[in-house]
Amino acid sequence: MRTPDRKRAGSFPAAHFPAAFLAVLILAGTAMAQSLSLTAPTLANENGRLTARFGIVVEDRPILKGELEDGAVLVLKCEVSLLEPRDYWLDREITEVHFRSRLSFDPLTREFVMTLPDRQTPLRGKDLGAVLDEGWGTIGATLGSWSLLDRGRKYSLRLHTSMNEEDAPEGMMRFFYFWSWDAGADNAFQLDFTF
C-alpha cells in the first residue's frame, strides 16, 4: 500500500501556477475598463477666457470606498490640450493645462478628503459620493485667452485622465480585487471642431 508523501501533500503544483496567473489576468482584464467614465467636454468663453469643462464619474464607488478606508491614497491627473491639427506634420500645440487632485480617507474624523487645485482648503465629507460629485462632477480648465482661436480654423481639444496610487511610479499597476486603477482609469477623449 502506498502512503502519501508528506512533502507533496497539500502543496500547490508548480505546473498550475501559469494557469492560475493567466486566470487572474483574464479576470482583471474584464474589470479594468469599468472604473472611471468621462463626461464629454465643452468649450466656453468665460469673461474672455477659453474654458474647457468636463466631469469624471467613478462607476463602482463601493470598491473605491473600501480601498480608501483601508489607507489607499489616490491621485487623479488630467491633461487638457488644445491643438491645431495638421495634415502632413505633427499637430501644433496651442496650450496645455494640467489638473491634479488627491483623494484619501481621514480615519480620525471618518471623512473623505479631496484636494483640488482651485481650493485653498480640502473638500471634506463623510459621504464619498457627495465628495466625488462636488469635486470631480464638473472640472473647469482655463486654457488661455479666447483670442487664441481664429475663425474658420480647425482645432482639436484632447483630454487625458489617469488615476493611480499617490506613491506608485508612473506606469505601475495595482490590482484591487482584480481591479486596476492604472489601466482601468486611463481615459482619453478628443473633440474636433471648427471655430
N, C-alpha and C. Protein backbone atom coordinates (compact mmCIF):
# COMPACT_ATOMS: atom_id res chain seq x y z
N MET A 1 0.84 -1.17 0.00
CA MET A 1 0.00 0.00 0.00
C MET A 1 0.88 1.23 0.00
N ARG A 2 0.48 2.21 -0.81
CA ARG A 2 1.28 3.42 -0.94
C ARG A 2 0.76 4.49 0.01
N THR A 3 1.67 5.14 0.72
CA THR A 3 1.28 6.22 1.63
C THR A 3 1.64 7.55 0.97
N PRO A 4 0.85 8.57 1.21
CA PRO A 4 1.15 9.85 0.58
C PRO A 4 2.45 10.44 1.11
N ASP A 5 3.17 11.07 0.24
CA ASP A 5 4.41 11.75 0.60
C ASP A 5 4.05 13.03 1.34
N ARG A 6 4.58 13.20 2.56
CA ARG A 6 4.22 14.35 3.38
C ARG A 6 4.65 15.68 2.74
N LYS A 7 5.75 15.67 2.03
CA LYS A 7 6.22 16.91 1.41
C LYS A 7 5.29 17.35 0.29
N ARG A 8 4.67 16.42 -0.38
CA ARG A 8 3.82 16.76 -1.52
C ARG A 8 2.37 16.96 -1.12
N ALA A 9 1.97 16.47 0.02
CA ALA A 9 0.58 16.59 0.43
C ALA A 9 0.25 18.05 0.68
N GLY A 10 -0.79 18.55 0.04
CA GLY A 10 -1.23 19.92 0.24
C GLY A 10 -0.41 20.97 -0.48
N SER A 11 0.59 20.57 -1.23
CA SER A 11 1.40 21.58 -1.93
C SER A 11 0.73 21.94 -3.25
N PHE A 12 1.03 23.13 -3.73
CA PHE A 12 0.48 23.63 -4.99
C PHE A 12 1.44 23.27 -6.10
N PRO A 13 1.05 22.43 -7.04
CA PRO A 13 1.96 22.03 -8.10
C PRO A 13 2.41 23.23 -8.93
N ALA A 14 3.68 23.27 -9.23
CA ALA A 14 4.25 24.39 -9.99
C ALA A 14 3.64 24.48 -11.38
N ALA A 15 3.18 23.38 -11.90
CA ALA A 15 2.58 23.39 -13.24
C ALA A 15 1.27 24.16 -13.26
N HIS A 16 0.61 24.31 -12.10
CA HIS A 16 -0.66 25.03 -12.04
C HIS A 16 -0.46 26.54 -11.94
N PHE A 17 0.72 27.00 -11.58
CA PHE A 17 0.96 28.43 -11.39
C PHE A 17 0.70 29.25 -12.65
N PRO A 18 1.23 28.88 -13.82
CA PRO A 18 0.94 29.69 -15.03
C PRO A 18 -0.55 29.76 -15.34
N ALA A 19 -1.26 28.67 -15.16
CA ALA A 19 -2.70 28.67 -15.44
C ALA A 19 -3.44 29.59 -14.46
N ALA A 20 -3.06 29.55 -13.19
CA ALA A 20 -3.69 30.42 -12.19
C ALA A 20 -3.38 31.88 -12.47
N PHE A 21 -2.14 32.17 -12.83
CA PHE A 21 -1.74 33.55 -13.14
C PHE A 21 -2.51 34.07 -14.36
N LEU A 22 -2.66 33.24 -15.38
CA LEU A 22 -3.40 33.62 -16.57
C LEU A 22 -4.87 33.88 -16.24
N ALA A 23 -5.45 33.08 -15.37
CA ALA A 23 -6.85 33.28 -14.97
C ALA A 23 -7.02 34.62 -14.26
N VAL A 24 -6.07 34.97 -13.40
CA VAL A 24 -6.13 36.26 -12.70
C VAL A 24 -6.06 37.41 -13.70
N LEU A 25 -5.18 37.32 -14.68
CA LEU A 25 -5.06 38.38 -15.68
C LEU A 25 -6.32 38.51 -16.52
N ILE A 26 -6.94 37.40 -16.87
CA ILE A 26 -8.16 37.45 -17.66
C ILE A 26 -9.28 38.09 -16.86
N LEU A 27 -9.41 37.71 -15.59
CA LEU A 27 -10.44 38.32 -14.75
C LEU A 27 -10.19 39.80 -14.56
N ALA A 28 -8.94 40.19 -14.41
CA ALA A 28 -8.60 41.60 -14.24
C ALA A 28 -8.93 42.38 -15.50
N GLY A 29 -8.67 41.80 -16.64
CA GLY A 29 -8.92 42.50 -17.90
C GLY A 29 -10.38 42.82 -18.12
N THR A 30 -11.29 41.97 -17.62
CA THR A 30 -12.70 42.24 -17.81
C THR A 30 -13.19 43.38 -16.95
N ALA A 31 -12.51 43.66 -15.86
CA ALA A 31 -12.96 44.71 -14.95
C ALA A 31 -12.24 46.02 -15.17
N MET A 32 -11.14 46.03 -15.89
CA MET A 32 -10.31 47.22 -15.97
C MET A 32 -11.01 48.43 -16.55
N ALA A 33 -11.86 48.26 -17.53
CA ALA A 33 -12.44 49.42 -18.19
C ALA A 33 -13.66 49.96 -17.45
N GLN A 34 -13.95 49.48 -16.26
CA GLN A 34 -15.18 49.86 -15.59
C GLN A 34 -14.98 50.86 -14.46
N SER A 35 -13.81 51.38 -14.22
CA SER A 35 -13.59 52.19 -13.03
C SER A 35 -13.99 53.64 -13.16
N LEU A 36 -13.60 54.33 -14.22
CA LEU A 36 -13.91 55.74 -14.41
C LEU A 36 -14.63 55.95 -15.73
N SER A 37 -15.48 56.96 -15.75
CA SER A 37 -16.04 57.39 -17.03
C SER A 37 -15.92 58.91 -17.11
N LEU A 38 -15.84 59.38 -18.31
CA LEU A 38 -15.58 60.78 -18.59
C LEU A 38 -16.82 61.39 -19.24
N THR A 39 -17.26 62.55 -18.75
CA THR A 39 -18.34 63.24 -19.44
C THR A 39 -17.72 64.09 -20.54
N ALA A 40 -18.44 64.22 -21.63
CA ALA A 40 -17.91 64.93 -22.80
C ALA A 40 -17.57 66.38 -22.45
N PRO A 41 -16.40 66.83 -22.87
CA PRO A 41 -16.02 68.21 -22.56
C PRO A 41 -16.76 69.22 -23.43
N THR A 42 -16.89 70.42 -22.90
CA THR A 42 -17.45 71.54 -23.64
C THR A 42 -16.47 72.69 -23.56
N LEU A 43 -16.52 73.57 -24.54
CA LEU A 43 -15.69 74.77 -24.55
C LEU A 43 -16.60 75.98 -24.41
N ALA A 44 -16.16 76.96 -23.63
CA ALA A 44 -16.97 78.16 -23.42
C ALA A 44 -16.07 79.38 -23.30
N ASN A 45 -16.65 80.53 -23.62
CA ASN A 45 -16.00 81.81 -23.44
C ASN A 45 -16.48 82.37 -22.10
N GLU A 46 -15.63 82.33 -21.10
CA GLU A 46 -15.97 82.85 -19.78
C GLU A 46 -15.13 84.08 -19.50
N ASN A 47 -15.76 85.24 -19.69
CA ASN A 47 -15.08 86.53 -19.47
C ASN A 47 -13.81 86.66 -20.30
N GLY A 48 -13.90 86.25 -21.56
CA GLY A 48 -12.76 86.36 -22.46
C GLY A 48 -11.72 85.26 -22.32
N ARG A 49 -12.01 84.28 -21.48
CA ARG A 49 -11.10 83.15 -21.26
C ARG A 49 -11.69 81.89 -21.89
N LEU A 50 -10.85 81.14 -22.58
CA LEU A 50 -11.25 79.87 -23.19
C LEU A 50 -11.22 78.80 -22.10
N THR A 51 -12.39 78.25 -21.78
CA THR A 51 -12.51 77.30 -20.67
C THR A 51 -13.10 75.98 -21.14
N ALA A 52 -12.43 74.89 -20.82
CA ALA A 52 -12.95 73.55 -21.09
C ALA A 52 -13.57 73.02 -19.81
N ARG A 53 -14.77 72.48 -19.92
CA ARG A 53 -15.46 71.89 -18.77
C ARG A 53 -15.75 70.43 -19.07
N PHE A 54 -15.50 69.58 -18.08
CA PHE A 54 -15.76 68.14 -18.20
C PHE A 54 -15.96 67.58 -16.81
N GLY A 55 -16.39 66.35 -16.73
CA GLY A 55 -16.61 65.70 -15.45
C GLY A 55 -16.07 64.29 -15.45
N ILE A 56 -15.79 63.80 -14.25
CA ILE A 56 -15.29 62.43 -14.07
C ILE A 56 -16.20 61.72 -13.09
N VAL A 57 -16.65 60.53 -13.46
CA VAL A 57 -17.56 59.75 -12.64
C VAL A 57 -16.89 58.43 -12.29
N VAL A 58 -16.86 58.09 -11.00
CA VAL A 58 -16.36 56.78 -10.56
C VAL A 58 -17.54 55.83 -10.59
N GLU A 59 -17.41 54.76 -11.38
CA GLU A 59 -18.51 53.84 -11.60
C GLU A 59 -18.81 52.96 -10.38
N ASP A 60 -17.80 52.37 -9.78
CA ASP A 60 -18.02 51.44 -8.66
C ASP A 60 -17.48 52.05 -7.38
N ARG A 61 -18.31 52.87 -6.77
CA ARG A 61 -17.89 53.59 -5.57
C ARG A 61 -17.65 52.69 -4.36
N PRO A 62 -18.37 51.58 -4.18
CA PRO A 62 -18.09 50.73 -3.02
C PRO A 62 -16.65 50.20 -3.00
N ILE A 63 -16.11 49.85 -4.16
CA ILE A 63 -14.72 49.37 -4.22
C ILE A 63 -13.77 50.49 -3.85
N LEU A 64 -14.01 51.68 -4.41
CA LEU A 64 -13.17 52.84 -4.10
C LEU A 64 -13.25 53.17 -2.61
N LYS A 65 -14.44 53.16 -2.06
CA LYS A 65 -14.63 53.48 -0.64
C LYS A 65 -13.86 52.50 0.25
N GLY A 66 -13.94 51.22 -0.07
CA GLY A 66 -13.22 50.22 0.72
C GLY A 66 -11.72 50.41 0.68
N GLU A 67 -11.19 50.70 -0.50
CA GLU A 67 -9.75 50.90 -0.62
C GLU A 67 -9.28 52.16 0.11
N LEU A 68 -10.07 53.24 0.02
CA LEU A 68 -9.70 54.46 0.74
C LEU A 68 -9.75 54.24 2.25
N GLU A 69 -10.76 53.54 2.72
CA GLU A 69 -10.86 53.25 4.16
C GLU A 69 -9.73 52.34 4.63
N ASP A 70 -9.16 51.55 3.72
CA ASP A 70 -8.03 50.69 4.06
C ASP A 70 -6.69 51.42 3.97
N GLY A 71 -6.72 52.72 3.65
CA GLY A 71 -5.49 53.51 3.67
C GLY A 71 -4.92 53.91 2.33
N ALA A 72 -5.55 53.54 1.24
CA ALA A 72 -5.04 53.94 -0.07
C ALA A 72 -5.22 55.44 -0.27
N VAL A 73 -4.25 56.06 -0.92
CA VAL A 73 -4.32 57.47 -1.30
C VAL A 73 -4.20 57.51 -2.82
N LEU A 74 -5.23 58.05 -3.47
CA LEU A 74 -5.28 58.04 -4.93
C LEU A 74 -5.12 59.45 -5.48
N VAL A 75 -4.51 59.54 -6.65
CA VAL A 75 -4.30 60.82 -7.31
C VAL A 75 -4.92 60.76 -8.70
N LEU A 76 -5.77 61.74 -9.00
CA LEU A 76 -6.34 61.89 -10.32
C LEU A 76 -5.54 62.96 -11.05
N LYS A 77 -5.08 62.61 -12.25
CA LYS A 77 -4.33 63.57 -13.08
C LYS A 77 -5.09 63.75 -14.39
N CYS A 78 -5.25 65.01 -14.79
CA CYS A 78 -5.91 65.34 -16.05
C CYS A 78 -5.00 66.25 -16.85
N GLU A 79 -4.94 65.99 -18.13
CA GLU A 79 -4.18 66.82 -19.05
C GLU A 79 -5.13 67.26 -20.16
N VAL A 80 -5.31 68.57 -20.30
CA VAL A 80 -6.20 69.13 -21.30
C VAL A 80 -5.35 69.91 -22.29
N SER A 81 -5.44 69.56 -23.58
CA SER A 81 -4.63 70.19 -24.61
C SER A 81 -5.51 70.73 -25.72
N LEU A 82 -5.15 71.90 -26.22
CA LEU A 82 -5.79 72.47 -27.39
C LEU A 82 -4.75 72.47 -28.50
N LEU A 83 -5.09 71.81 -29.61
CA LEU A 83 -4.14 71.68 -30.71
C LEU A 83 -4.76 72.13 -32.02
N GLU A 84 -3.90 72.46 -32.95
CA GLU A 84 -4.32 72.74 -34.32
C GLU A 84 -3.85 71.56 -35.17
N PRO A 85 -4.80 70.75 -35.68
CA PRO A 85 -4.40 69.57 -36.45
C PRO A 85 -3.75 69.96 -37.78
N ARG A 86 -2.77 69.21 -38.17
CA ARG A 86 -2.09 69.42 -39.45
C ARG A 86 -2.14 68.12 -40.25
N ASP A 87 -2.20 68.26 -41.55
CA ASP A 87 -2.32 67.09 -42.41
C ASP A 87 -1.01 66.34 -42.60
N TYR A 88 0.09 67.07 -42.77
CA TYR A 88 1.35 66.41 -43.13
C TYR A 88 2.44 66.55 -42.08
N TRP A 89 2.14 67.10 -40.95
CA TRP A 89 3.14 67.29 -39.92
C TRP A 89 2.48 67.09 -38.57
N LEU A 90 3.26 67.09 -37.52
CA LEU A 90 2.69 66.93 -36.18
C LEU A 90 1.73 68.08 -35.87
N ASP A 91 0.70 67.77 -35.09
CA ASP A 91 -0.25 68.80 -34.69
C ASP A 91 0.46 69.89 -33.88
N ARG A 92 0.02 71.14 -34.06
CA ARG A 92 0.62 72.25 -33.34
C ARG A 92 -0.11 72.44 -32.02
N GLU A 93 0.63 72.35 -30.91
CA GLU A 93 0.03 72.55 -29.60
C GLU A 93 -0.10 74.04 -29.33
N ILE A 94 -1.33 74.45 -29.03
CA ILE A 94 -1.59 75.85 -28.74
C ILE A 94 -1.44 76.11 -27.24
N THR A 95 -2.05 75.25 -26.44
CA THR A 95 -1.96 75.39 -24.99
C THR A 95 -2.23 74.04 -24.33
N GLU A 96 -1.74 73.90 -23.11
CA GLU A 96 -1.95 72.66 -22.35
C GLU A 96 -2.06 73.02 -20.87
N VAL A 97 -3.01 72.38 -20.19
CA VAL A 97 -3.25 72.63 -18.78
C VAL A 97 -3.26 71.28 -18.05
N HIS A 98 -2.70 71.25 -16.84
CA HIS A 98 -2.69 70.04 -16.02
C HIS A 98 -3.52 70.26 -14.76
N PHE A 99 -4.24 69.22 -14.37
CA PHE A 99 -5.09 69.23 -13.18
C PHE A 99 -4.68 68.03 -12.34
N ARG A 100 -4.52 68.24 -11.03
CA ARG A 100 -4.14 67.14 -10.13
C ARG A 100 -4.99 67.23 -8.87
N SER A 101 -5.60 66.11 -8.50
CA SER A 101 -6.44 66.05 -7.31
C SER A 101 -6.09 64.80 -6.52
N ARG A 102 -6.04 64.94 -5.21
CA ARG A 102 -5.67 63.84 -4.31
C ARG A 102 -6.89 63.45 -3.49
N LEU A 103 -7.13 62.14 -3.36
CA LEU A 103 -8.28 61.63 -2.62
C LEU A 103 -7.81 60.63 -1.57
N SER A 104 -8.25 60.86 -0.31
CA SER A 104 -7.84 59.97 0.79
C SER A 104 -8.97 59.89 1.81
N PHE A 105 -8.73 59.11 2.85
CA PHE A 105 -9.69 58.94 3.94
C PHE A 105 -9.00 59.28 5.25
N ASP A 106 -9.62 60.14 6.06
CA ASP A 106 -9.09 60.51 7.37
C ASP A 106 -9.75 59.61 8.42
N PRO A 107 -9.00 58.65 8.99
CA PRO A 107 -9.63 57.72 9.94
C PRO A 107 -10.05 58.37 11.26
N LEU A 108 -9.47 59.50 11.62
CA LEU A 108 -9.84 60.17 12.87
C LEU A 108 -11.22 60.83 12.77
N THR A 109 -11.47 61.53 11.68
CA THR A 109 -12.75 62.21 11.51
C THR A 109 -13.75 61.35 10.73
N ARG A 110 -13.28 60.23 10.17
CA ARG A 110 -14.09 59.34 9.34
C ARG A 110 -14.65 60.10 8.13
N GLU A 111 -13.81 60.97 7.54
CA GLU A 111 -14.21 61.76 6.38
C GLU A 111 -13.30 61.47 5.19
N PHE A 112 -13.87 61.60 4.02
CA PHE A 112 -13.10 61.52 2.79
C PHE A 112 -12.57 62.92 2.49
N VAL A 113 -11.31 62.99 2.09
CA VAL A 113 -10.64 64.28 1.89
C VAL A 113 -10.14 64.36 0.45
N MET A 114 -10.51 65.45 -0.23
CA MET A 114 -10.10 65.66 -1.62
C MET A 114 -9.45 67.03 -1.75
N THR A 115 -8.23 67.05 -2.29
CA THR A 115 -7.59 68.33 -2.58
C THR A 115 -7.86 68.67 -4.05
N LEU A 116 -8.11 69.94 -4.28
CA LEU A 116 -8.38 70.44 -5.63
C LEU A 116 -7.50 71.65 -5.88
N PRO A 117 -7.03 71.83 -7.12
CA PRO A 117 -6.10 72.93 -7.39
C PRO A 117 -6.69 74.32 -7.20
N ASP A 118 -8.01 74.48 -7.33
CA ASP A 118 -8.60 75.81 -7.22
C ASP A 118 -9.17 76.11 -5.83
N ARG A 119 -8.91 75.25 -4.86
CA ARG A 119 -9.41 75.46 -3.49
C ARG A 119 -8.25 75.54 -2.51
N GLN A 120 -8.35 76.49 -1.58
CA GLN A 120 -7.33 76.63 -0.54
C GLN A 120 -7.42 75.49 0.48
N THR A 121 -8.65 75.15 0.88
CA THR A 121 -8.85 74.09 1.87
C THR A 121 -9.39 72.84 1.17
N PRO A 122 -9.02 71.68 1.67
CA PRO A 122 -9.52 70.43 1.05
C PRO A 122 -11.03 70.30 1.20
N LEU A 123 -11.62 69.60 0.28
CA LEU A 123 -13.04 69.26 0.32
C LEU A 123 -13.17 68.04 1.22
N ARG A 124 -14.08 68.09 2.20
CA ARG A 124 -14.22 67.00 3.17
C ARG A 124 -15.68 66.60 3.29
N GLY A 125 -15.90 65.31 3.57
CA GLY A 125 -17.26 64.84 3.79
C GLY A 125 -17.29 63.37 4.14
N LYS A 126 -18.34 62.97 4.86
CA LYS A 126 -18.50 61.57 5.25
C LYS A 126 -19.10 60.73 4.11
N ASP A 127 -19.78 61.38 3.17
CA ASP A 127 -20.40 60.70 2.04
C ASP A 127 -19.46 60.80 0.83
N LEU A 128 -18.86 59.67 0.45
CA LEU A 128 -17.91 59.66 -0.67
C LEU A 128 -18.57 60.13 -1.96
N GLY A 129 -19.79 59.72 -2.21
CA GLY A 129 -20.48 60.13 -3.44
C GLY A 129 -20.62 61.64 -3.54
N ALA A 130 -20.97 62.29 -2.44
CA ALA A 130 -21.13 63.74 -2.44
C ALA A 130 -19.79 64.43 -2.68
N VAL A 131 -18.72 63.91 -2.08
CA VAL A 131 -17.38 64.49 -2.27
C VAL A 131 -16.95 64.34 -3.73
N LEU A 132 -17.15 63.16 -4.31
CA LEU A 132 -16.78 62.93 -5.71
C LEU A 132 -17.58 63.82 -6.65
N ASP A 133 -18.89 63.93 -6.41
CA ASP A 133 -19.73 64.75 -7.28
C ASP A 133 -19.35 66.22 -7.21
N GLU A 134 -19.08 66.72 -6.01
CA GLU A 134 -18.72 68.13 -5.86
C GLU A 134 -17.33 68.42 -6.43
N GLY A 135 -16.39 67.52 -6.18
CA GLY A 135 -15.02 67.77 -6.61
C GLY A 135 -14.74 67.46 -8.07
N TRP A 136 -15.28 66.35 -8.58
CA TRP A 136 -14.96 65.90 -9.93
C TRP A 136 -16.16 65.92 -10.87
N GLY A 137 -17.35 66.25 -10.37
CA GLY A 137 -18.54 66.26 -11.22
C GLY A 137 -18.43 67.24 -12.37
N THR A 138 -17.88 68.41 -12.09
CA THR A 138 -17.61 69.41 -13.13
C THR A 138 -16.25 70.02 -12.85
N ILE A 139 -15.34 69.83 -13.78
CA ILE A 139 -13.98 70.37 -13.66
C ILE A 139 -13.80 71.41 -14.76
N GLY A 140 -13.33 72.57 -14.38
CA GLY A 140 -13.07 73.63 -15.36
C GLY A 140 -11.58 73.82 -15.54
N ALA A 141 -11.15 73.88 -16.78
CA ALA A 141 -9.73 74.09 -17.09
C ALA A 141 -9.62 75.31 -18.00
N THR A 142 -9.04 76.38 -17.49
CA THR A 142 -8.86 77.59 -18.29
C THR A 142 -7.63 77.41 -19.17
N LEU A 143 -7.86 77.48 -20.48
CA LEU A 143 -6.80 77.21 -21.45
C LEU A 143 -6.07 78.47 -21.91
N GLY A 144 -6.59 79.62 -21.59
CA GLY A 144 -5.96 80.87 -22.01
C GLY A 144 -6.99 81.84 -22.55
N SER A 145 -6.52 82.82 -23.27
CA SER A 145 -7.39 83.85 -23.83
C SER A 145 -8.24 83.29 -24.98
N TRP A 146 -9.47 83.79 -25.09
CA TRP A 146 -10.36 83.39 -26.17
C TRP A 146 -9.77 83.76 -27.53
N SER A 147 -8.90 84.75 -27.53
CA SER A 147 -8.29 85.21 -28.78
C SER A 147 -7.29 84.21 -29.37
N LEU A 148 -7.03 83.11 -28.66
CA LEU A 148 -6.17 82.06 -29.21
C LEU A 148 -6.79 81.40 -30.44
N LEU A 149 -8.13 81.47 -30.52
CA LEU A 149 -8.86 80.83 -31.63
C LEU A 149 -9.05 81.81 -32.78
N ASP A 150 -8.83 81.34 -34.00
CA ASP A 150 -9.05 82.13 -35.21
C ASP A 150 -10.25 81.56 -35.95
N ARG A 151 -11.13 82.43 -36.42
CA ARG A 151 -12.33 81.98 -37.13
C ARG A 151 -11.98 81.19 -38.38
N GLY A 152 -12.76 80.10 -38.61
CA GLY A 152 -12.58 79.29 -39.80
C GLY A 152 -11.49 78.24 -39.71
N ARG A 153 -10.80 78.16 -38.59
CA ARG A 153 -9.72 77.18 -38.44
C ARG A 153 -10.20 75.96 -37.67
N LYS A 154 -9.54 74.83 -37.94
CA LYS A 154 -9.87 73.57 -37.25
C LYS A 154 -9.01 73.44 -36.01
N TYR A 155 -9.64 72.91 -34.95
CA TYR A 155 -8.94 72.70 -33.68
C TYR A 155 -9.32 71.34 -33.12
N SER A 156 -8.52 70.91 -32.17
CA SER A 156 -8.76 69.64 -31.50
C SER A 156 -8.52 69.82 -30.01
N LEU A 157 -9.52 69.48 -29.21
CA LEU A 157 -9.40 69.51 -27.76
C LEU A 157 -9.16 68.08 -27.31
N ARG A 158 -8.05 67.82 -26.66
CA ARG A 158 -7.73 66.47 -26.20
C ARG A 158 -7.67 66.45 -24.69
N LEU A 159 -8.29 65.42 -24.14
CA LEU A 159 -8.39 65.27 -22.70
C LEU A 159 -7.88 63.88 -22.33
N HIS A 160 -6.96 63.82 -21.40
CA HIS A 160 -6.42 62.54 -20.93
C HIS A 160 -6.47 62.54 -19.41
N THR A 161 -7.06 61.49 -18.83
CA THR A 161 -7.12 61.37 -17.37
C THR A 161 -6.52 60.04 -16.94
N SER A 162 -5.95 60.02 -15.75
CA SER A 162 -5.45 58.78 -15.17
C SER A 162 -5.55 58.86 -13.66
N MET A 163 -5.79 57.72 -13.04
CA MET A 163 -5.84 57.64 -11.58
C MET A 163 -4.91 56.52 -11.13
N ASN A 164 -4.13 56.81 -10.10
CA ASN A 164 -3.19 55.83 -9.58
C ASN A 164 -2.95 56.12 -8.11
N GLU A 165 -2.30 55.21 -7.44
CA GLU A 165 -1.91 55.46 -6.06
C GLU A 165 -0.87 56.57 -6.03
N GLU A 166 -0.88 57.33 -4.96
CA GLU A 166 -0.02 58.51 -4.87
C GLU A 166 1.46 58.18 -5.01
N ASP A 167 1.94 57.16 -4.36
CA ASP A 167 3.37 56.86 -4.38
C ASP A 167 3.79 55.87 -5.46
N ALA A 168 2.85 55.44 -6.28
CA ALA A 168 3.19 54.45 -7.31
C ALA A 168 3.97 55.12 -8.44
N PRO A 169 5.01 54.46 -8.93
CA PRO A 169 5.74 55.01 -10.07
C PRO A 169 4.83 55.07 -11.30
N GLU A 170 5.15 55.97 -12.22
CA GLU A 170 4.36 56.09 -13.45
C GLU A 170 4.33 54.74 -14.17
N GLY A 171 3.16 54.36 -14.63
CA GLY A 171 3.02 53.11 -15.36
C GLY A 171 2.84 51.89 -14.48
N MET A 172 2.91 52.05 -13.16
CA MET A 172 2.78 50.93 -12.24
C MET A 172 1.30 50.63 -12.01
N MET A 173 0.96 49.36 -11.98
CA MET A 173 -0.41 48.95 -11.73
C MET A 173 -0.53 48.34 -10.34
N ARG A 174 -1.70 48.54 -9.73
CA ARG A 174 -2.03 47.81 -8.52
C ARG A 174 -3.45 47.29 -8.69
N PHE A 175 -3.64 46.03 -8.44
CA PHE A 175 -4.95 45.44 -8.63
C PHE A 175 -5.71 45.45 -7.31
N PHE A 176 -6.91 46.02 -7.33
CA PHE A 176 -7.82 45.99 -6.19
C PHE A 176 -8.87 44.92 -6.51
N TYR A 177 -8.78 43.79 -5.88
CA TYR A 177 -9.77 42.74 -6.11
C TYR A 177 -9.96 42.52 -7.62
N PHE A 178 -8.87 42.31 -8.31
CA PHE A 178 -8.85 42.16 -9.76
C PHE A 178 -9.28 43.44 -10.46
N TRP A 179 -8.90 44.55 -9.91
CA TRP A 179 -9.29 45.86 -10.45
C TRP A 179 -8.04 46.71 -10.57
N SER A 180 -7.76 47.24 -11.69
CA SER A 180 -6.57 48.05 -11.87
C SER A 180 -6.94 49.51 -12.02
N TRP A 181 -6.49 50.32 -11.09
CA TRP A 181 -6.77 51.76 -11.20
C TRP A 181 -5.92 52.40 -12.27
N ASP A 182 -4.80 51.81 -12.60
CA ASP A 182 -3.95 52.41 -13.62
C ASP A 182 -4.51 52.16 -15.01
N ALA A 183 -4.65 50.92 -15.37
CA ALA A 183 -5.12 50.60 -16.72
C ALA A 183 -6.59 50.93 -16.89
N GLY A 184 -7.39 50.70 -15.86
CA GLY A 184 -8.82 50.96 -15.98
C GLY A 184 -9.16 52.43 -15.90
N ALA A 185 -8.31 53.22 -15.30
CA ALA A 185 -8.62 54.62 -15.09
C ALA A 185 -7.93 55.53 -16.09
N ASP A 186 -7.29 54.98 -17.07
CA ASP A 186 -6.72 55.79 -18.14
C ASP A 186 -7.82 56.04 -19.17
N ASN A 187 -8.19 57.29 -19.36
CA ASN A 187 -9.22 57.64 -20.33
C ASN A 187 -8.71 58.75 -21.22
N ALA A 188 -9.17 58.75 -22.44
CA ALA A 188 -8.82 59.82 -23.37
C ALA A 188 -10.07 60.20 -24.16
N PHE A 189 -10.16 61.47 -24.49
CA PHE A 189 -11.29 61.98 -25.26
C PHE A 189 -10.76 63.05 -26.19
N GLN A 190 -11.30 63.10 -27.39
CA GLN A 190 -10.88 64.12 -28.35
C GLN A 190 -12.11 64.76 -28.97
N LEU A 191 -12.13 66.08 -28.99
CA LEU A 191 -13.22 66.84 -29.59
C LEU A 191 -12.64 67.68 -30.72
N ASP A 192 -13.01 67.36 -31.96
CA ASP A 192 -12.55 68.12 -33.12
C ASP A 192 -13.64 69.13 -33.48
N PHE A 193 -13.24 70.37 -33.75
CA PHE A 193 -14.22 71.40 -34.07
C PHE A 193 -13.60 72.47 -34.97
N THR A 194 -14.46 73.21 -35.63
CA THR A 194 -14.05 74.37 -36.43
C THR A 194 -14.64 75.60 -35.76
N PHE A 195 -13.81 76.59 -35.52
CA PHE A 195 -14.26 77.79 -34.81
C PHE A 195 -14.90 78.76 -35.78
